[in-house]
Amino acid sequence: MILKKRATSHIVWQSLENLFHDNKGARALELDNEICSMTLGDLSIAKYCQKMKIVADLLDNIEAPVPEKTLATHLINGLSPQYEHITTILRHCDPPPTILHARSKLLGEESRILRNLIT
């Protein structure tokens, strides 16, 4: 698709760049929808946060970064009801939590929940 007779390396590079950026808008919408609808489900807190960070990094790579506050909000919104207590606390933090701060608090809550299941 990019090889043409007498094409310079610059022309080939521009063709590659155009192919990559051709669907950037559609890909950004798809990834944004994925991050907005992401839920904890059966994942551990660590895996859930990692999954959200990967999608956020993909959005950043296509020049559609997610603000830290928005990312933390999506993280909190996707939690299951058993995390209701900690989500209330995180929602009322001033300033709003970063994703790393929220992850740290959620890992502590996950440990507490797991300890209560064992006893």
PDB file of N, CA and C in Angstrom:
ATOM      1  N   MET A   1       0.814  -1.201   0.000  1.00  0.00           N
ATOM      2  CA  MET A   1       0.000   0.000   0.000  1.00  0.00           C
ATOM      3  C   MET A   1       0.857   1.264   0.000  1.00  0.00           C
ATOM      4  N   ILE A   2       2.080   1.146   0.463  1.00  0.00           N
ATOM      5  CA  ILE A   2       2.897   2.347   0.542  1.00  0.00           C
ATOM      6  C   ILE A   2       4.044   2.372  -0.458  1.00  0.00           C
ATOM      7  N   LEU A   3       4.330   1.225  -1.078  1.00  0.00           N
ATOM      8  CA  LEU A   3       5.439   1.187  -2.015  1.00  0.00           C
ATOM      9  C   LEU A   3       5.000   1.722  -3.369  1.00  0.00           C
ATOM     10  N   LYS A   4       5.766   2.671  -3.865  1.00  0.00           N
ATOM     11  CA  LYS A   4       5.481   3.290  -5.149  1.00  0.00           C
ATOM     12  C   LYS A   4       6.790   3.394  -5.914  1.00  0.00           C
ATOM     13  N   LYS A   5       6.689   3.373  -7.217  1.00  0.00           N
ATOM     14  CA  LYS A   5       7.890   3.534  -8.030  1.00  0.00           C
ATOM     15  C   LYS A   5       8.534   4.881  -7.726  1.00  0.00           C
ATOM     16  N   ARG A   6       9.825   4.870  -7.625  1.00  0.00           N
ATOM     17  CA  ARG A   6      10.636   6.063  -7.406  1.00  0.00           C
ATOM     18  C   ARG A   6      10.255   6.831  -6.130  1.00  0.00           C
ATOM     19  N   ALA A   7       9.744   6.123  -5.138  1.00  0.00           N
ATOM     20  CA  ALA A   7       9.380   6.773  -3.879  1.00  0.00           C
ATOM     21  C   ALA A   7      10.624   6.945  -3.009  1.00  0.00           C
ATOM     22  N   THR A   8      10.749   8.112  -2.456  1.00  0.00           N
ATOM     23  CA  THR A   8      11.859   8.354  -1.536  1.00  0.00           C
ATOM     24  C   THR A   8      11.488   7.792  -0.168  1.00  0.00           C
ATOM     25  N   SER A   9      12.487   7.672   0.686  1.00  0.00           N
ATOM     26  CA  SER A   9      12.201   7.176   2.030  1.00  0.00           C
ATOM     27  C   SER A   9      11.258   8.131   2.761  1.00  0.00           C
ATOM     28  N   HIS A  10      11.362   9.423   2.459  1.00  0.00           N
ATOM     29  CA  HIS A  10      10.467  10.405   3.085  1.00  0.00           C
ATOM     30  C   HIS A  10       9.015  10.161   2.659  1.00  0.00           C
ATOM     31  N   ILE A  11       8.798   9.892   1.398  1.00  0.00           N
ATOM     32  CA  ILE A  11       7.435   9.625   0.902  1.00  0.00           C
ATOM     33  C   ILE A  11       6.889   8.345   1.532  1.00  0.00           C
ATOM     34  N   VAL A  12       7.714   7.308   1.628  1.00  0.00           N
ATOM     35  CA  VAL A  12       7.288   6.060   2.255  1.00  0.00           C
ATOM     36  C   VAL A  12       6.926   6.318   3.713  1.00  0.00           C
ATOM     37  N   TRP A  13       7.756   7.084   4.408  1.00  0.00           N
ATOM     38  CA  TRP A  13       7.496   7.392   5.814  1.00  0.00           C
ATOM     39  C   TRP A  13       6.184   8.184   5.962  1.00  0.00           C
ATOM     40  N   GLN A  14       5.952   9.152   5.114  1.00  0.00           N
ATOM     41  CA  GLN A  14       4.704   9.922   5.162  1.00  0.00           C
ATOM     42  C   GLN A  14       3.500   9.021   4.909  1.00  0.00           C
ATOM     43  N   SER A  15       3.624   8.087   3.996  1.00  0.00           N
ATOM     44  CA  SER A  15       2.534   7.150   3.709  1.00  0.00           C
ATOM     45  C   SER A  15       2.230   6.282   4.926  1.00  0.00           C
ATOM     46  N   LEU A  16       3.268   5.813   5.590  1.00  0.00           N
ATOM     47  CA  LEU A  16       3.085   5.020   6.813  1.00  0.00           C
ATOM     48  C   LEU A  16       2.396   5.844   7.898  1.00  0.00           C
ATOM     49  N   GLU A  17       2.861   7.067   8.065  1.00  0.00           N
ATOM     50  CA  GLU A  17       2.278   7.950   9.071  1.00  0.00           C
ATOM     51  C   GLU A  17       0.800   8.219   8.772  1.00  0.00           C
ATOM     52  N   ASN A  18       0.476   8.455   7.514  1.00  0.00           N
ATOM     53  CA  ASN A  18      -0.916   8.702   7.123  1.00  0.00           C
ATOM     54  C   ASN A  18      -1.788   7.480   7.378  1.00  0.00           C
ATOM     55  N   LEU A  19      -1.260   6.290   7.098  1.00  0.00           N
ATOM     56  CA  LEU A  19      -2.018   5.068   7.377  1.00  0.00           C
ATOM     57  C   LEU A  19      -2.277   4.911   8.870  1.00  0.00           C
ATOM     58  N   PHE A  20      -1.261   5.210   9.669  1.00  0.00           N
ATOM     59  CA  PHE A  20      -1.398   5.084  11.116  1.00  0.00           C
ATOM     60  C   PHE A  20      -2.420   6.064  11.666  1.00  0.00           C
ATOM     61  N   HIS A  21      -2.366   7.295  11.193  1.00  0.00           N
ATOM     62  CA  HIS A  21      -3.240   8.341  11.715  1.00  0.00           C
ATOM     63  C   HIS A  21      -4.613   8.369  11.053  1.00  0.00           C
ATOM     64  N   ASP A  22      -4.801   7.588  10.014  1.00  0.00           N
ATOM     65  CA  ASP A  22      -6.052   7.603   9.266  1.00  0.00           C
ATOM     66  C   ASP A  22      -7.262   7.296  10.136  1.00  0.00           C
ATOM     67  N   ASN A  23      -7.115   6.344  11.039  1.00  0.00           N
ATOM     68  CA  ASN A  23      -8.260   5.945  11.859  1.00  0.00           C
ATOM     69  C   ASN A  23      -8.109   6.405  13.306  1.00  0.00           C
ATOM     70  N   LYS A  24      -7.295   7.406  13.542  1.00  0.00           N
ATOM     71  CA  LYS A  24      -7.008   7.871  14.889  1.00  0.00           C
ATOM     72  C   LYS A  24      -8.274   8.325  15.621  1.00  0.00           C
ATOM     73  N   GLY A  25      -9.119   9.061  14.966  1.00  0.00           N
ATOM     74  CA  GLY A  25     -10.347   9.549  15.598  1.00  0.00           C
ATOM     75  C   GLY A  25     -11.280   8.420  15.997  1.00  0.00           C
ATOM     76  N   ALA A  26     -11.468   7.475  15.081  1.00  0.00           N
ATOM     77  CA  ALA A  26     -12.340   6.337  15.375  1.00  0.00           C
ATOM     78  C   ALA A  26     -11.752   5.487  16.496  1.00  0.00           C
ATOM     79  N   ARG A  27     -10.439   5.300  16.468  1.00  0.00           N
ATOM     80  CA  ARG A  27      -9.777   4.514  17.523  1.00  0.00           C
ATOM     81  C   ARG A  27      -9.896   5.218  18.875  1.00  0.00           C
ATOM     82  N   ALA A  28      -9.776   6.539  18.887  1.00  0.00           N
ATOM     83  CA  ALA A  28      -9.914   7.297  20.132  1.00  0.00           C
ATOM     84  C   ALA A  28     -11.313   7.138  20.708  1.00  0.00           C
ATOM     85  N   LEU A  29     -12.330   7.186  19.857  1.00  0.00           N
ATOM     86  CA  LEU A  29     -13.713   6.995  20.328  1.00  0.00           C
ATOM     87  C   LEU A  29     -13.905   5.597  20.904  1.00  0.00           C
ATOM     88  N   GLU A  30     -13.351   4.605  20.228  1.00  0.00           N
ATOM     89  CA  GLU A  30     -13.463   3.222  20.675  1.00  0.00           C
ATOM     90  C   GLU A  30     -12.789   3.027  22.036  1.00  0.00           C
ATOM     91  N   LEU A  31     -11.578   3.539  22.172  1.00  0.00           N
ATOM     92  CA  LEU A  31     -10.848   3.396  23.434  1.00  0.00           C
ATOM     93  C   LEU A  31     -11.496   4.207  24.551  1.00  0.00           C
ATOM     94  N   ASP A  32     -11.996   5.394  24.220  1.00  0.00           N
ATOM     95  CA  ASP A  32     -12.680   6.208  25.224  1.00  0.00           C
ATOM     96  C   ASP A  32     -13.926   5.497  25.733  1.00  0.00           C
ATOM     97  N   ASN A  33     -14.662   4.880  24.836  1.00  0.00           N
ATOM     98  CA  ASN A  33     -15.838   4.115  25.238  1.00  0.00           C
ATOM     99  C   ASN A  33     -15.433   2.940  26.130  1.00  0.00           C
ATOM    100  N   GLU A  34     -14.336   2.292  25.773  1.00  0.00           N
ATOM    101  CA  GLU A  34     -13.856   1.163  26.573  1.00  0.00           C
ATOM    102  C   GLU A  34     -13.491   1.598  27.986  1.00  0.00           C
ATOM    103  N   ILE A  35     -12.809   2.716  28.108  1.00  0.00           N
ATOM    104  CA  ILE A  35     -12.381   3.172  29.430  1.00  0.00           C
ATOM    105  C   ILE A  35     -13.572   3.655  30.262  1.00  0.00           C
ATOM    106  N   CYS A  36     -14.575   4.246  29.607  1.00  0.00           N
ATOM    107  CA  CYS A  36     -15.772   4.725  30.317  1.00  0.00           C
ATOM    108  C   CYS A  36     -16.638   3.582  30.829  1.00  0.00           C
ATOM    109  N   SER A  37     -16.642   2.470  30.105  1.00  0.00           N
ATOM    110  CA  SER A  37     -17.512   1.352  30.481  1.00  0.00           C
ATOM    111  C   SER A  37     -16.776   0.234  31.217  1.00  0.00           C
ATOM    112  N   MET A  38     -15.514   0.429  31.517  1.00  0.00           N
ATOM    113  CA  MET A  38     -14.721  -0.594  32.186  1.00  0.00           C
ATOM    114  C   MET A  38     -15.211  -0.798  33.624  1.00  0.00           C
ATOM    115  N   THR A  39     -15.330  -2.070  34.021  1.00  0.00           N
ATOM    116  CA  THR A  39     -15.739  -2.391  35.390  1.00  0.00           C
ATOM    117  C   THR A  39     -14.775  -3.405  35.998  1.00  0.00           C
ATOM    118  N   LEU A  40     -14.799  -3.481  37.303  1.00  0.00           N
ATOM    119  CA  LEU A  40     -13.920  -4.389  38.033  1.00  0.00           C
ATOM    120  C   LEU A  40     -14.226  -5.844  37.708  1.00  0.00           C
ATOM    121  N   GLY A  41     -15.500  -6.197  37.697  1.00  0.00           N
ATOM    122  CA  GLY A  41     -15.883  -7.582  37.403  1.00  0.00           C
ATOM    123  C   GLY A  41     -15.155  -8.559  38.306  1.00  0.00           C
ATOM    124  N   ASP A  42     -14.538  -9.577  37.730  1.00  0.00           N
ATOM    125  CA  ASP A  42     -13.814 -10.600  38.487  1.00  0.00           C
ATOM    126  C   ASP A  42     -12.326 -10.284  38.634  1.00  0.00           C
ATOM    127  N   LEU A  43     -11.901  -9.121  38.173  1.00  0.00           N
ATOM    128  CA  LEU A  43     -10.482  -8.764  38.230  1.00  0.00           C
ATOM    129  C   LEU A  43     -10.066  -8.359  39.644  1.00  0.00           C
ATOM    130  N   SER A  44      -8.792  -8.532  39.931  1.00  0.00           N
ATOM    131  CA  SER A  44      -8.252  -7.973  41.165  1.00  0.00           C
ATOM    132  C   SER A  44      -8.106  -6.467  40.955  1.00  0.00           C
ATOM    133  N   ILE A  45      -7.943  -5.743  42.035  1.00  0.00           N
ATOM    134  CA  ILE A  45      -7.750  -4.296  41.929  1.00  0.00           C
ATOM    135  C   ILE A  45      -6.506  -3.990  41.094  1.00  0.00           C
ATOM    136  N   ALA A  46      -5.431  -4.737  41.327  1.00  0.00           N
ATOM    137  CA  ALA A  46      -4.188  -4.503  40.578  1.00  0.00           C
ATOM    138  C   ALA A  46      -4.401  -4.695  39.081  1.00  0.00           C
ATOM    139  N   LYS A  47      -5.082  -5.765  38.694  1.00  0.00           N
ATOM    140  CA  LYS A  47      -5.337  -6.042  37.267  1.00  0.00           C
ATOM    141  C   LYS A  47      -6.288  -5.009  36.665  1.00  0.00           C
ATOM    142  N   TYR A  48      -7.286  -4.610  37.433  1.00  0.00           N
ATOM    143  CA  TYR A  48      -8.250  -3.607  36.976  1.00  0.00           C
ATOM    144  C   TYR A  48      -7.543  -2.273  36.703  1.00  0.00           C
ATOM    145  N   CYS A  49      -6.709  -1.846  37.635  1.00  0.00           N
ATOM    146  CA  CYS A  49      -5.966  -0.589  37.465  1.00  0.00           C
ATOM    147  C   CYS A  49      -4.995  -0.689  36.290  1.00  0.00           C
ATOM    148  N   GLN A  50      -4.355  -1.833  36.153  1.00  0.00           N
ATOM    149  CA  GLN A  50      -3.411  -2.041  35.056  1.00  0.00           C
ATOM    150  C   GLN A  50      -4.133  -1.968  33.710  1.00  0.00           C
ATOM    151  N   LYS A  51      -5.291  -2.610  33.634  1.00  0.00           N
ATOM    152  CA  LYS A  51      -6.079  -2.606  32.398  1.00  0.00           C
ATOM    153  C   LYS A  51      -6.488  -1.174  32.030  1.00  0.00           C
ATOM    154  N   MET A  52      -6.916  -0.416  33.035  1.00  0.00           N
ATOM    155  CA  MET A  52      -7.326   0.961  32.777  1.00  0.00           C
ATOM    156  C   MET A  52      -6.134   1.810  32.342  1.00  0.00           C
ATOM    157  N   LYS A  53      -4.992   1.604  32.955  1.00  0.00           N
ATOM    158  CA  LYS A  53      -3.782   2.358  32.609  1.00  0.00           C
ATOM    159  C   LYS A  53      -3.329   2.037  31.181  1.00  0.00           C
ATOM    160  N   ILE A  54      -3.441   0.785  30.780  1.00  0.00           N
ATOM    161  CA  ILE A  54      -3.059   0.399  29.416  1.00  0.00           C
ATOM    162  C   ILE A  54      -3.920   1.127  28.389  1.00  0.00           C
ATOM    163  N   VAL A  55      -5.222   1.169  28.626  1.00  0.00           N
ATOM    164  CA  VAL A  55      -6.119   1.858  27.690  1.00  0.00           C
ATOM    165  C   VAL A  55      -5.828   3.364  27.695  1.00  0.00           C
ATOM    166  N   ALA A  56      -5.567   3.923  28.878  1.00  0.00           N
ATOM    167  CA  ALA A  56      -5.226   5.349  28.963  1.00  0.00           C
ATOM    168  C   ALA A  56      -3.933   5.643  28.201  1.00  0.00           C
ATOM    169  N   ASP A  57      -2.961   4.754  28.299  1.00  0.00           N
ATOM    170  CA  ASP A  57      -1.711   4.936  27.559  1.00  0.00           C
ATOM    171  C   ASP A  57      -1.927   4.844  26.049  1.00  0.00           C
ATOM    172  N   LEU A  58      -2.817   3.940  25.626  1.00  0.00           N
ATOM    173  CA  LEU A  58      -3.142   3.841  24.203  1.00  0.00           C
ATOM    174  C   LEU A  58      -3.779   5.140  23.704  1.00  0.00           C
ATOM    175  N   LEU A  59      -4.658   5.708  24.504  1.00  0.00           N
ATOM    176  CA  LEU A  59      -5.274   6.988  24.137  1.00  0.00           C
ATOM    177  C   LEU A  59      -4.223   8.093  24.068  1.00  0.00           C
ATOM    178  N   ASP A  60      -3.310   8.086  25.009  1.00  0.00           N
ATOM    179  CA  ASP A  60      -2.242   9.085  25.011  1.00  0.00           C
ATOM    180  C   ASP A  60      -1.377   8.951  23.756  1.00  0.00           C
ATOM    181  N   ASN A  61      -1.137   7.710  23.331  1.00  0.00           N
ATOM    182  CA  ASN A  61      -0.318   7.465  22.139  1.00  0.00           C
ATOM    183  C   ASN A  61      -0.952   7.991  20.858  1.00  0.00           C
ATOM    184  N   ILE A  62      -2.267   8.116  20.832  1.00  0.00           N
ATOM    185  CA  ILE A  62      -2.930   8.647  19.635  1.00  0.00           C
ATOM    186  C   ILE A  62      -3.402  10.087  19.866  1.00  0.00           C
ATOM    187  N   GLU A  63      -2.701  10.743  20.772  1.00  0.00           N
ATOM    188  CA  GLU A  63      -2.916  12.164  21.045  1.00  0.00           C
ATOM    189  C   GLU A  63      -4.331  12.481  21.517  1.00  0.00           C
ATOM    190  N   ALA A  64      -4.885  11.590  22.365  1.00  0.00           N
ATOM    191  CA  ALA A  64      -6.190  11.806  22.981  1.00  0.00           C
ATOM    192  C   ALA A  64      -6.079  11.465  24.464  1.00  0.00           C
ATOM    193  N   PRO A  65      -5.203  12.180  25.191  1.00  0.00           N
ATOM    194  CA  PRO A  65      -4.951  11.820  26.588  1.00  0.00           C
ATOM    195  C   PRO A  65      -6.178  12.005  27.478  1.00  0.00           C
ATOM    196  N   VAL A  66      -6.254  11.156  28.502  1.00  0.00           N
ATOM    197  CA  VAL A  66      -7.322  11.243  29.485  1.00  0.00           C
ATOM    198  C   VAL A  66      -6.758  11.990  30.696  1.00  0.00           C
ATOM    199  N   PRO A  67      -7.404  13.068  31.121  1.00  0.00           N
ATOM    200  CA  PRO A  67      -6.910  13.780  32.307  1.00  0.00           C
ATOM    201  C   PRO A  67      -6.911  12.852  33.535  1.00  0.00           C
ATOM    202  N   GLU A  68      -5.948  13.042  34.403  1.00  0.00           N
ATOM    203  CA  GLU A  68      -5.786  12.202  35.592  1.00  0.00           C
ATOM    204  C   GLU A  68      -7.065  12.132  36.433  1.00  0.00           C
ATOM    205  N   LYS A  69      -7.705  13.276  36.630  1.00  0.00           N
ATOM    206  CA  LYS A  69      -8.947  13.327  37.415  1.00  0.00           C
ATOM    207  C   LYS A  69     -10.034  12.470  36.764  1.00  0.00           C
ATOM    208  N   THR A  70     -10.147  12.540  35.456  1.00  0.00           N
ATOM    209  CA  THR A  70     -11.148  11.760  34.722  1.00  0.00           C
ATOM    210  C   THR A  70     -10.837  10.274  34.807  1.00  0.00           C
ATOM    211  N   LEU A  71      -9.572   9.936  34.696  1.00  0.00           N
ATOM    212  CA  LEU A  71      -9.160   8.532  34.782  1.00  0.00           C
ATOM    213  C   LEU A  71      -9.496   7.957  36.151  1.00  0.00           C
ATOM    214  N   ALA A  72      -9.202   8.704  37.208  1.00  0.00           N
ATOM    215  CA  ALA A  72      -9.531   8.243  38.567  1.00  0.00           C
ATOM    216  C   ALA A  72     -11.042   8.109  38.739  1.00  0.00           C
ATOM    217  N   THR A  73     -11.800   9.024  38.146  1.00  0.00           N
ATOM    218  CA  THR A  73     -13.268   8.950  38.232  1.00  0.00           C
ATOM    219  C   THR A  73     -13.791   7.693  37.550  1.00  0.00           C
ATOM    220  N   HIS A  74     -13.273   7.372  36.377  1.00  0.00           N
ATOM    221  CA  HIS A  74     -13.695   6.147  35.684  1.00  0.00           C
ATOM    222  C   HIS A  74     -13.315   4.912  36.503  1.00  0.00           C
ATOM    223  N   LEU A  75     -12.145   4.948  37.096  1.00  0.00           N
ATOM    224  CA  LEU A  75     -11.689   3.836  37.938  1.00  0.00           C
ATOM    225  C   LEU A  75     -12.665   3.611  39.087  1.00  0.00           C
ATOM    226  N   ILE A  76     -13.037   4.669  39.760  1.00  0.00           N
ATOM    227  CA  ILE A  76     -13.951   4.584  40.910  1.00  0.00           C
ATOM    228  C   ILE A  76     -15.346   4.156  40.462  1.00  0.00           C
ATOM    229  N   ASN A  77     -15.823   4.698  39.338  1.00  0.00           N
ATOM    230  CA  ASN A  77     -17.171   4.383  38.855  1.00  0.00           C
ATOM    231  C   ASN A  77     -17.335   2.921  38.463  1.00  0.00           C
ATOM    232  N   GLY A  78     -16.248   2.264  38.095  1.00  0.00           N
ATOM    233  CA  GLY A  78     -16.335   0.875  37.648  1.00  0.00           C
ATOM    234  C   GLY A  78     -16.220  -0.160  38.757  1.00  0.00           C
ATOM    235  N   LEU A  79     -16.138   0.302  39.999  1.00  0.00           N
ATOM    236  CA  LEU A  79     -15.988  -0.641  41.114  1.00  0.00           C
ATOM    237  C   LEU A  79     -17.313  -1.308  41.466  1.00  0.00           C
ATOM    238  N   SER A  80     -17.212  -2.468  42.070  1.00  0.00           N
ATOM    239  CA  SER A  80     -18.400  -3.208  42.490  1.00  0.00           C
ATOM    240  C   SER A  80     -18.915  -2.655  43.832  1.00  0.00           C
ATOM    241  N   PRO A  81     -20.156  -2.981  44.196  1.00  0.00           N
ATOM    242  CA  PRO A  81     -20.766  -2.446  45.415  1.00  0.00           C
ATOM    243  C   PRO A  81     -19.989  -2.745  46.705  1.00  0.00           C
ATOM    244  N   GLN A  82     -19.211  -3.797  46.733  1.00  0.00           N
ATOM    245  CA  GLN A  82     -18.467  -4.110  47.957  1.00  0.00           C
ATOM    246  C   GLN A  82     -17.417  -3.043  48.280  1.00  0.00           C
ATOM    247  N   TYR A  83     -17.102  -2.189  47.314  1.00  0.00           N
ATOM    248  CA  TYR A  83     -16.144  -1.096  47.525  1.00  0.00           C
ATOM    249  C   TYR A  83     -16.840   0.242  47.778  1.00  0.00           C
ATOM    250  N   GLU A  84     -18.133   0.206  48.063  1.00  0.00           N
ATOM    251  CA  GLU A  84     -18.921   1.425  48.207  1.00  0.00           C
ATOM    252  C   GLU A  84     -18.353   2.372  49.259  1.00  0.00           C
ATOM    253  N   HIS A  85     -17.905   1.828  50.383  1.00  0.00           N
ATOM    254  CA  HIS A  85     -17.381   2.665  51.468  1.00  0.00           C
ATOM    255  C   HIS A  85     -16.169   3.474  51.001  1.00  0.00           C
ATOM    256  N   ILE A  86     -15.205   2.808  50.383  1.00  0.00           N
ATOM    257  CA  ILE A  86     -13.980   3.488  49.960  1.00  0.00           C
ATOM    258  C   ILE A  86     -14.243   4.410  48.765  1.00  0.00           C
ATOM    259  N   THR A  87     -15.204   4.047  47.910  1.00  0.00           N
ATOM    260  CA  THR A  87     -15.502   4.937  46.776  1.00  0.00           C
ATOM    261  C   THR A  87     -16.089   6.255  47.267  1.00  0.00           C
ATOM    262  N   THR A  88     -16.895   6.207  48.325  1.00  0.00           N
ATOM    263  CA  THR A  88     -17.453   7.431  48.898  1.00  0.00           C
ATOM    264  C   THR A  88     -16.329   8.326  49.409  1.00  0.00           C
ATOM    265  N   ILE A  89     -15.374   7.727  50.076  1.00  0.00           N
ATOM    266  CA  ILE A  89     -14.224   8.491  50.589  1.00  0.00           C
ATOM    267  C   ILE A  89     -13.422   9.085  49.432  1.00  0.00           C
ATOM    268  N   LEU A  90     -13.146   8.272  48.416  1.00  0.00           N
ATOM    269  CA  LEU A  90     -12.349   8.748  47.287  1.00  0.00           C
ATOM    270  C   LEU A  90     -13.051   9.860  46.515  1.00  0.00           C
ATOM    271  N   ARG A  91     -14.363   9.775  46.393  1.00  0.00           N
ATOM    272  CA  ARG A  91     -15.117  10.799  45.665  1.00  0.00           C
ATOM    273  C   ARG A  91     -15.064  12.167  46.351  1.00  0.00           C
ATOM    274  N   HIS A  92     -14.854  12.147  47.669  1.00  0.00           N
ATOM    275  CA  HIS A  92     -14.861  13.404  48.423  1.00  0.00           C
ATOM    276  C   HIS A  92     -13.469  13.912  48.773  1.00  0.00           C
ATOM    277  N   CYS A  93     -12.457  13.332  48.173  1.00  0.00           N
ATOM    278  CA  CYS A  93     -11.087  13.816  48.390  1.00  0.00           C
ATOM    279  C   CYS A  93     -10.918  15.190  47.751  1.00  0.00           C
ATOM    280  N   ASP A  94     -10.191  16.054  48.449  1.00  0.00           N
ATOM    281  CA  ASP A  94      -9.882  17.361  47.892  1.00  0.00           C
ATOM    282  C   ASP A  94      -8.404  17.626  48.102  1.00  0.00           C
ATOM    283  N   PRO A  95      -7.619  17.627  47.063  1.00  0.00           N
ATOM    284  CA  PRO A  95      -7.950  17.519  45.648  1.00  0.00           C
ATOM    285  C   PRO A  95      -8.357  16.089  45.269  1.00  0.00           C
ATOM    286  N   PRO A  96      -8.985  15.921  44.115  1.00  0.00           N
ATOM    287  CA  PRO A  96      -9.390  14.576  43.677  1.00  0.00           C
ATOM    288  C   PRO A  96      -8.168  13.646  43.622  1.00  0.00           C
ATOM    289  N   PRO A  97      -8.383  12.367  43.891  1.00  0.00           N
ATOM    290  CA  PRO A  97      -7.246  11.440  43.920  1.00  0.00           C
ATOM    291  C   PRO A  97      -6.661  11.203  42.529  1.00  0.00           C
ATOM    292  N   THR A  98      -5.380  10.921  42.513  1.00  0.00           N
ATOM    293  CA  THR A  98      -4.762  10.459  41.274  1.00  0.00           C
ATOM    294  C   THR A  98      -5.086   8.979  41.161  1.00  0.00           C
ATOM    295  N   ILE A  99      -4.828   8.411  40.005  1.00  0.00           N
ATOM    296  CA  ILE A  99      -5.096   6.985  39.841  1.00  0.00           C
ATOM    297  C   ILE A  99      -4.188   6.162  40.765  1.00  0.00           C
ATOM    298  N   LEU A 100      -2.965   6.626  40.995  1.00  0.00           N
ATOM    299  CA  LEU A 100      -2.061   5.900  41.897  1.00  0.00           C
ATOM    300  C   LEU A 100      -2.535   5.961  43.338  1.00  0.00           C
ATOM    301  N   HIS A 101      -3.044   7.107  43.767  1.00  0.00           N
ATOM    302  CA  HIS A 101      -3.579   7.238  45.125  1.00  0.00           C
ATOM    303  C   HIS A 101      -4.817   6.361  45.290  1.00  0.00           C
ATOM    304  N   ALA A 102      -5.706   6.408  44.315  1.00  0.00           N
ATOM    305  CA  ALA A 102      -6.919   5.583  44.362  1.00  0.00           C
ATOM    306  C   ALA A 102      -6.547   4.104  44.372  1.00  0.00           C
ATOM    307  N   ARG A 103      -5.593   3.720  43.553  1.00  0.00           N
ATOM    308  CA  ARG A 103      -5.140   2.320  43.501  1.00  0.00           C
ATOM    309  C   ARG A 103      -4.617   1.881  44.852  1.00  0.00           C
ATOM    310  N   SER A 104      -3.813   2.713  45.477  1.00  0.00           N
ATOM    311  CA  SER A 104      -3.245   2.388  46.787  1.00  0.00           C
ATOM    312  C   SER A 104      -4.349   2.157  47.822  1.00  0.00           C
ATOM    313  N   LYS A 105      -5.308   3.058  47.879  1.00  0.00           N
ATOM    314  CA  LYS A 105      -6.422   2.916  48.837  1.00  0.00           C
ATOM    315  C   LYS A 105      -7.265   1.681  48.520  1.00  0.00           C
ATOM    316  N   LEU A 106      -7.489   1.428  47.242  1.00  0.00           N
ATOM    317  CA  LEU A 106      -8.304   0.282  46.836  1.00  0.00           C
ATOM    318  C   LEU A 106      -7.601  -1.045  47.128  1.00  0.00           C
ATOM    319  N   LEU A 107      -6.294  -1.085  46.979  1.00  0.00           N
ATOM    320  CA  LEU A 107      -5.550  -2.312  47.320  1.00  0.00           C
ATOM    321  C   LEU A 107      -5.676  -2.622  48.809  1.00  0.00           C
ATOM    322  N   GLY A 108      -5.626  -1.577  49.635  1.00  0.00           N
ATOM    323  CA  GLY A 108      -5.829  -1.769  51.074  1.00  0.00           C
ATOM    324  C   GLY A 108      -7.226  -2.288  51.377  1.00  0.00           C
ATOM    325  N   GLU A 109      -8.213  -1.735  50.706  1.00  0.00           N
ATOM    326  CA  GLU A 109      -9.603  -2.181  50.906  1.00  0.00           C
ATOM    327  C   GLU A 109      -9.792  -3.610  50.412  1.00  0.00           C
ATOM    328  N   GLU A 110      -9.168  -3.945  49.298  1.00  0.00           N
ATOM    329  CA  GLU A 110      -9.249  -5.310  48.774  1.00  0.00           C
ATOM    330  C   GLU A 110      -8.662  -6.298  49.780  1.00  0.00           C
ATOM    331  N   SER A 111      -7.546  -5.959  50.375  1.00  0.00           N
ATOM    332  CA  SER A 111      -6.934  -6.821  51.400  1.00  0.00           C
ATOM    333  C   SER A 111      -7.867  -7.015  52.572  1.00  0.00           C
ATOM    334  N   ARG A 112      -8.501  -5.928  53.017  1.00  0.00           N
ATOM    335  CA  ARG A 112      -9.448  -6.007  54.141  1.00  0.00           C
ATOM    336  C   ARG A 112     -10.620  -6.905  53.799  1.00  0.00           C
ATOM    337  N   ILE A 113     -11.153  -6.759  52.600  1.00  0.00           N
ATOM    338  CA  ILE A 113     -12.295  -7.584  52.164  1.00  0.00           C
ATOM    339  C   ILE A 113     -11.900  -9.047  52.120  1.00  0.00           C
ATOM    340  N   LEU A 114     -10.720  -9.339  51.562  1.00  0.00           N
ATOM    341  CA  LEU A 114     -10.261 -10.732  51.476  1.00  0.00           C
ATOM    342  C   LEU A 114     -10.023 -11.327  52.862  1.00  0.00           C
ATOM    343  N   ARG A 115      -9.486 -10.541  53.786  1.00  0.00           N
ATOM    344  CA  ARG A 115      -9.279 -11.034  55.168  1.00  0.00           C
ATOM    345  C   ARG A 115     -10.617 -11.377  55.813  1.00  0.00           C
ATOM    346  N   ASN A 116     -11.631 -10.537  55.583  1.00  0.00           N
ATOM    347  CA  ASN A 116     -12.953 -10.789  56.157  1.00  0.00           C
ATOM    348  C   ASN A 116     -13.610 -12.039  55.567  1.00  0.00           C
ATOM    349  N   LEU A 117     -13.313 -12.344  54.320  1.00  0.00           N
ATOM    350  CA  LEU A 117     -13.856 -13.557  53.700  1.00  0.00           C
ATOM    351  C   LEU A 117     -13.255 -14.819  54.300  1.00  0.00           C
ATOM    352  N   ILE A 118     -11.975 -14.725  54.682  1.00  0.00           N
ATOM    353  CA  ILE A 118     -11.273 -15.878  55.229  1.00  0.00           C
ATOM    354  C   ILE A 118     -11.726 -16.175  56.652  1.00  0.00           C
ATOM    355  N   THR A 119     -11.984 -15.118  57.444  1.00  0.00           N
ATOM    356  CA  THR A 119     -12.380 -15.327  58.847  1.00  0.00           C
ATOM    357  C   THR A 119     -13.840 -15.535  59.012  1.00  0.00           C
TER     358      THR A 119
END
